[in-house]
Amino acid sequence: MKVGYINPFIVATREVFKTMIKMPVMLGKPYLRDPGSPPHKLAVVIAMRGAVDGQVVIGLSEGIATTVATAMLGTPFDKVDGDCIDAIKEMANMIVGGAKKDLPGGIVEMALPRVVVAPQVVAYPPGWPIVALPCDAGAGRFTIEMTIREIAPAKAA
């Protein structure tokens, strides 16, 4: 996967954590994730279509999910409930929405976010590389995983 598809997610994640969540976030070096790795406790999945095809998965623990929800909503969360899930879906929406405008190639549409809770697992497209971006928000770690393929532009007749 080209770096032009990873950098928009780095920029968007920093911006969302700075302005909306008001927490510092450190981003690590992207790496290829083994599809056989253990599943995330919680994962927010957003599919994309258009100039690129694929999905973004934000995998996180219950601890970072409740911390993010508390920071976003100003209400203390001690467990993952419906409001907490709504908050982490909105966080994912803001990150992917912020990144999609800077993805190369043109217009990209996003599906509504969905949450996958272990023991369910995220289905990744078979054979597609999974690029993982490790993130540390101080209160916990999470990972942004991208499986993205560039769609060839239509040729003029």
C-alpha atoms as a PDB file:
ATOM      1  CA  MET A   1       0.000   0.000   0.000  1.00  0.00           C
ATOM      2  CA  LYS A   2       1.315   3.429  -0.938  1.00  0.00           C
ATOM      3  CA  VAL A   3       2.246   5.889   1.798  1.00  0.00           C
ATOM      4  CA  GLY A   4      -0.278   8.314   0.256  1.00  0.00           C
ATOM      5  CA  TYR A   5      -2.986   6.064   1.666  1.00  0.00           C
ATOM      6  CA  ILE A   6      -1.497   5.915   5.168  1.00  0.00           C
ATOM      7  CA  ASN A   7      -0.535   9.550   5.785  1.00  0.00           C
ATOM      8  CA  PRO A   8      -4.130  10.881   5.666  1.00  0.00           C
ATOM      9  CA  PHE A   9      -5.024   8.556   8.567  1.00  0.00           C
ATOM     10  CA  ILE A  10      -2.024   9.774  10.580  1.00  0.00           C
ATOM     11  CA  VAL A  11      -3.012  13.414  10.058  1.00  0.00           C
ATOM     12  CA  ALA A  12      -6.719  12.788  10.758  1.00  0.00           C
ATOM     13  CA  THR A  13      -6.039  10.788  13.932  1.00  0.00           C
ATOM     14  CA  ARG A  14      -3.820  13.535  15.347  1.00  0.00           C
ATOM     15  CA  GLU A  15      -6.404  16.181  14.480  1.00  0.00           C
ATOM     16  CA  VAL A  16      -9.371  14.297  15.991  1.00  0.00           C
ATOM     17  CA  PHE A  17      -7.510  13.579  19.227  1.00  0.00           C
ATOM     18  CA  LYS A  18      -6.294  17.168  19.489  1.00  0.00           C
ATOM     19  CA  THR A  19      -9.563  18.957  18.724  1.00  0.00           C
ATOM     20  CA  MET A  20     -12.419  16.597  19.588  1.00  0.00           C
ATOM     21  CA  ILE A  21     -11.079  14.220  22.222  1.00  0.00           C
ATOM     22  CA  LYS A  22      -8.543  16.626  23.723  1.00  0.00           C
ATOM     23  CA  MET A  23      -6.030  13.898  24.469  1.00  0.00           C
ATOM     24  CA  PRO A  24      -2.466  13.555  23.235  1.00  0.00           C
ATOM     25  CA  VAL A  25      -1.837  10.653  20.881  1.00  0.00           C
ATOM     26  CA  MET A  26       1.468   9.179  19.775  1.00  0.00           C
ATOM     27  CA  LEU A  27       1.500   7.263  16.507  1.00  0.00           C
ATOM     28  CA  GLY A  28       3.973   4.469  15.930  1.00  0.00           C
ATOM     29  CA  LYS A  29       5.504   3.086  12.781  1.00  0.00           C
ATOM     30  CA  PRO A  30       3.021   1.347  10.442  1.00  0.00           C
ATOM     31  CA  TYR A  31       3.536  -2.389   9.989  1.00  0.00           C
ATOM     32  CA  LEU A  32       1.918  -5.299   8.168  1.00  0.00           C
ATOM     33  CA  ARG A  33      -0.492  -7.100  10.489  1.00  0.00           C
ATOM     34  CA  ASP A  34      -0.680 -10.872  10.376  1.00  0.00           C
ATOM     35  CA  PRO A  35      -4.301 -11.784   9.494  1.00  0.00           C
ATOM     36  CA  GLY A  36      -4.033 -14.626  12.025  1.00  0.00           C
ATOM     37  CA  SER A  37      -3.329 -12.234  14.931  1.00  0.00           C
ATOM     38  CA  PRO A  38      -5.681 -12.419  17.922  1.00  0.00           C
ATOM     39  CA  PRO A  39      -8.930 -10.488  17.434  1.00  0.00           C
ATOM     40  CA  HIS A  40      -9.527  -7.106  19.010  1.00  0.00           C
ATOM     41  CA  LYS A  41     -11.719  -6.894  22.103  1.00  0.00           C
ATOM     42  CA  LEU A  42     -13.661  -4.143  20.296  1.00  0.00           C
ATOM     43  CA  ALA A  43     -13.336  -3.018  16.700  1.00  0.00           C
ATOM     44  CA  VAL A  44     -15.059  -0.285  14.728  1.00  0.00           C
ATOM     45  CA  VAL A  45     -15.222  -1.166  11.038  1.00  0.00           C
ATOM     46  CA  ILE A  46     -15.891   1.319   8.226  1.00  0.00           C
ATOM     47  CA  ALA A  47     -16.003   0.155   4.602  1.00  0.00           C
ATOM     48  CA  MET A  48     -14.970   2.499   1.790  1.00  0.00           C
ATOM     49  CA  ARG A  49     -15.850   2.574  -1.905  1.00  0.00           C
ATOM     50  CA  GLY A  50     -14.969   4.858  -4.776  1.00  0.00           C
ATOM     51  CA  ALA A  51     -11.464   5.851  -5.835  1.00  0.00           C
ATOM     52  CA  VAL A  52     -10.313   3.233  -3.328  1.00  0.00           C
ATOM     53  CA  ASP A  53     -11.932   0.055  -2.116  1.00  0.00           C
ATOM     54  CA  GLY A  54     -11.416  -1.428   1.313  1.00  0.00           C
ATOM     55  CA  GLN A  55     -12.036  -0.921   4.968  1.00  0.00           C
ATOM     56  CA  VAL A  56     -10.617   0.722   8.053  1.00  0.00           C
ATOM     57  CA  VAL A  57     -10.695  -1.084  11.386  1.00  0.00           C
ATOM     58  CA  ILE A  58     -10.016   0.682  14.661  1.00  0.00           C
ATOM     59  CA  GLY A  59      -9.216  -1.978  17.240  1.00  0.00           C
ATOM     60  CA  LEU A  60      -9.260  -1.031  20.900  1.00  0.00           C
ATOM     61  CA  SER A  61      -9.627  -2.325  24.426  1.00  0.00           C
ATOM     62  CA  GLU A  62     -12.581  -1.622  26.686  1.00  0.00           C
ATOM     63  CA  GLY A  63     -10.325   0.672  28.742  1.00  0.00           C
ATOM     64  CA  ILE A  64      -9.396   2.999  25.897  1.00  0.00           C
ATOM     65  CA  ALA A  65     -12.978   2.875  24.566  1.00  0.00           C
ATOM     66  CA  THR A  66     -14.381   4.139  27.893  1.00  0.00           C
ATOM     67  CA  THR A  67     -11.590   6.733  28.218  1.00  0.00           C
ATOM     68  CA  VAL A  68     -12.279   8.112  24.724  1.00  0.00           C
ATOM     69  CA  ALA A  69     -16.046   8.137  25.306  1.00  0.00           C
ATOM     70  CA  THR A  70     -15.580   9.955  28.633  1.00  0.00           C
ATOM     71  CA  ALA A  71     -13.346  12.575  26.981  1.00  0.00           C
ATOM     72  CA  MET A  72     -15.716  13.064  24.034  1.00  0.00           C
ATOM     73  CA  LEU A  73     -18.986  13.209  25.933  1.00  0.00           C
ATOM     74  CA  GLY A  74     -17.878  14.613  29.287  1.00  0.00           C
ATOM     75  CA  THR A  75     -19.706  11.789  31.061  1.00  0.00           C
ATOM     76  CA  PRO A  76     -17.752   9.170  33.011  1.00  0.00           C
ATOM     77  CA  PHE A  77     -17.949   5.664  31.563  1.00  0.00           C
ATOM     78  CA  ASP A  78     -16.823   2.663  33.590  1.00  0.00           C
ATOM     79  CA  LYS A  79     -18.091   0.078  31.114  1.00  0.00           C
ATOM     80  CA  VAL A  80     -18.819  -0.204  27.427  1.00  0.00           C
ATOM     81  CA  ASP A  81     -22.511   0.486  26.906  1.00  0.00           C
ATOM     82  CA  GLY A  82     -24.618   1.856  24.045  1.00  0.00           C
ATOM     83  CA  ASP A  83     -23.520   5.467  24.560  1.00  0.00           C
ATOM     84  CA  CYS A  84     -19.862   4.438  24.763  1.00  0.00           C
ATOM     85  CA  ILE A  85     -20.221   2.468  21.521  1.00  0.00           C
ATOM     86  CA  ASP A  86     -21.854   5.470  19.856  1.00  0.00           C
ATOM     87  CA  ALA A  87     -18.892   7.624  20.936  1.00  0.00           C
ATOM     88  CA  ILE A  88     -16.232   5.265  19.554  1.00  0.00           C
ATOM     89  CA  LYS A  89     -18.208   4.930  16.318  1.00  0.00           C
ATOM     90  CA  GLU A  90     -18.222   8.714  16.060  1.00  0.00           C
ATOM     91  CA  MET A  91     -14.464   8.828  16.745  1.00  0.00           C
ATOM     92  CA  ALA A  92     -13.930   6.338  13.904  1.00  0.00           C
ATOM     93  CA  ASN A  93     -16.262   8.326  11.648  1.00  0.00           C
ATOM     94  CA  MET A  94     -14.272  11.515  12.287  1.00  0.00           C
ATOM     95  CA  ILE A  95     -10.904   9.828  11.666  1.00  0.00           C
ATOM     96  CA  VAL A  96     -11.969   8.069   8.459  1.00  0.00           C
ATOM     97  CA  GLY A  97     -13.962  11.103   7.283  1.00  0.00           C
ATOM     98  CA  GLY A  98     -10.971  13.355   7.874  1.00  0.00           C
ATOM     99  CA  ALA A  99      -8.653  10.983   6.037  1.00  0.00           C
ATOM    100  CA  LYS A 100     -10.882  10.252   3.049  1.00  0.00           C
ATOM    101  CA  LYS A 101     -10.761  13.829   1.775  1.00  0.00           C
ATOM    102  CA  ASP A 102      -6.981  13.518   1.414  1.00  0.00           C
ATOM    103  CA  LEU A 103      -6.817  10.037  -0.122  1.00  0.00           C
ATOM    104  CA  PRO A 104      -5.352  10.071  -3.640  1.00  0.00           C
ATOM    105  CA  GLY A 105      -7.514   9.348  -6.634  1.00  0.00           C
ATOM    106  CA  GLY A 106     -10.792  11.142  -6.075  1.00  0.00           C
ATOM    107  CA  ILE A 107     -14.093  10.649  -4.319  1.00  0.00           C
ATOM    108  CA  VAL A 108     -14.403   7.994  -1.615  1.00  0.00           C
ATOM    109  CA  GLU A 109     -17.677   7.088   0.076  1.00  0.00           C
ATOM    110  CA  MET A 110     -17.809   5.600   3.569  1.00  0.00           C
ATOM    111  CA  ALA A 111     -20.306   3.145   4.971  1.00  0.00           C
ATOM    112  CA  LEU A 112     -21.792   3.630   8.417  1.00  0.00           C
ATOM    113  CA  PRO A 113     -19.491   2.359  11.162  1.00  0.00           C
ATOM    114  CA  ARG A 114     -20.257  -0.976  12.776  1.00  0.00           C
ATOM    115  CA  VAL A 115     -18.832  -2.442  15.952  1.00  0.00           C
ATOM    116  CA  VAL A 116     -17.494  -5.982  16.274  1.00  0.00           C
ATOM    117  CA  VAL A 117     -17.117  -7.359  19.812  1.00  0.00           C
ATOM    118  CA  ALA A 118     -15.013 -10.430  20.647  1.00  0.00           C
ATOM    119  CA  PRO A 119     -15.468 -13.347  20.287  1.00  0.00           C
ATOM    120  CA  GLN A 120     -16.689 -12.157  16.869  1.00  0.00           C
ATOM    121  CA  VAL A 121     -13.833 -11.324  14.543  1.00  0.00           C
ATOM    122  CA  VAL A 122     -13.386  -8.753  11.805  1.00  0.00           C
ATOM    123  CA  ALA A 123     -13.473 -10.225   8.315  1.00  0.00           C
ATOM    124  CA  TYR A 124     -10.601  -8.844   6.267  1.00  0.00           C
ATOM    125  CA  PRO A 125     -10.609  -9.215   2.476  1.00  0.00           C
ATOM    126  CA  PRO A 126      -8.618 -12.403   1.751  1.00  0.00           C
ATOM    127  CA  GLY A 127      -5.167 -11.781   0.341  1.00  0.00           C
ATOM    128  CA  TRP A 128      -5.229  -8.024   0.970  1.00  0.00           C
ATOM    129  CA  PRO A 129      -2.375  -6.626   3.059  1.00  0.00           C
ATOM    130  CA  ILE A 130      -3.434  -5.199   6.418  1.00  0.00           C
ATOM    131  CA  VAL A 131      -1.426  -2.104   7.306  1.00  0.00           C
ATOM    132  CA  ALA A 132      -1.597  -1.414  11.035  1.00  0.00           C
ATOM    133  CA  LEU A 133      -0.883   1.951  12.612  1.00  0.00           C
ATOM    134  CA  PRO A 134      -0.228   1.596  16.366  1.00  0.00           C
ATOM    135  CA  CYS A 135      -1.509   4.490  18.480  1.00  0.00           C
ATOM    136  CA  ASP A 136      -0.951   5.351  22.138  1.00  0.00           C
ATOM    137  CA  ALA A 137      -3.327   7.808  23.767  1.00  0.00           C
ATOM    138  CA  GLY A 138      -1.533   7.703  27.127  1.00  0.00           C
ATOM    139  CA  ALA A 139      -4.541   6.092  28.778  1.00  0.00           C
ATOM    140  CA  GLY A 140      -4.305   3.120  26.439  1.00  0.00           C
ATOM    141  CA  ARG A 141      -3.332   1.811  23.069  1.00  0.00           C
ATOM    142  CA  PHE A 142      -5.363   1.189  19.959  1.00  0.00           C
ATOM    143  CA  THR A 143      -4.651   0.294  16.348  1.00  0.00           C
ATOM    144  CA  ILE A 144      -5.910   1.704  13.073  1.00  0.00           C
ATOM    145  CA  GLU A 145      -5.818  -1.003  10.408  1.00  0.00           C
ATOM    146  CA  MET A 146      -6.291  -0.325   6.726  1.00  0.00           C
ATOM    147  CA  THR A 147      -7.000  -2.698   3.880  1.00  0.00           C
ATOM    148  CA  ILE A 148      -7.139  -0.415   0.875  1.00  0.00           C
ATOM    149  CA  ARG A 149      -6.869  -1.000  -2.848  1.00  0.00           C
ATOM    150  CA  GLU A 150      -6.695   1.703  -5.442  1.00  0.00           C
ATOM    151  CA  ILE A 151      -9.409   1.365  -8.071  1.00  0.00           C
ATOM    152  CA  ALA A 152      -8.194   1.925 -11.616  1.00  0.00           C
ATOM    153  CA  PRO A 153      -9.812   5.015 -13.116  1.00  0.00           C
ATOM    154  CA  ALA A 154     -12.294   4.358 -15.901  1.00  0.00           C
ATOM    155  CA  LYS A 155     -10.742   4.785 -19.347  1.00  0.00           C
ATOM    156  CA  ALA A 156     -12.295   7.226 -21.763  1.00  0.00           C
ATOM    157  CA  ALA A 157     -13.948   5.634 -24.782  1.00  0.00           C
END
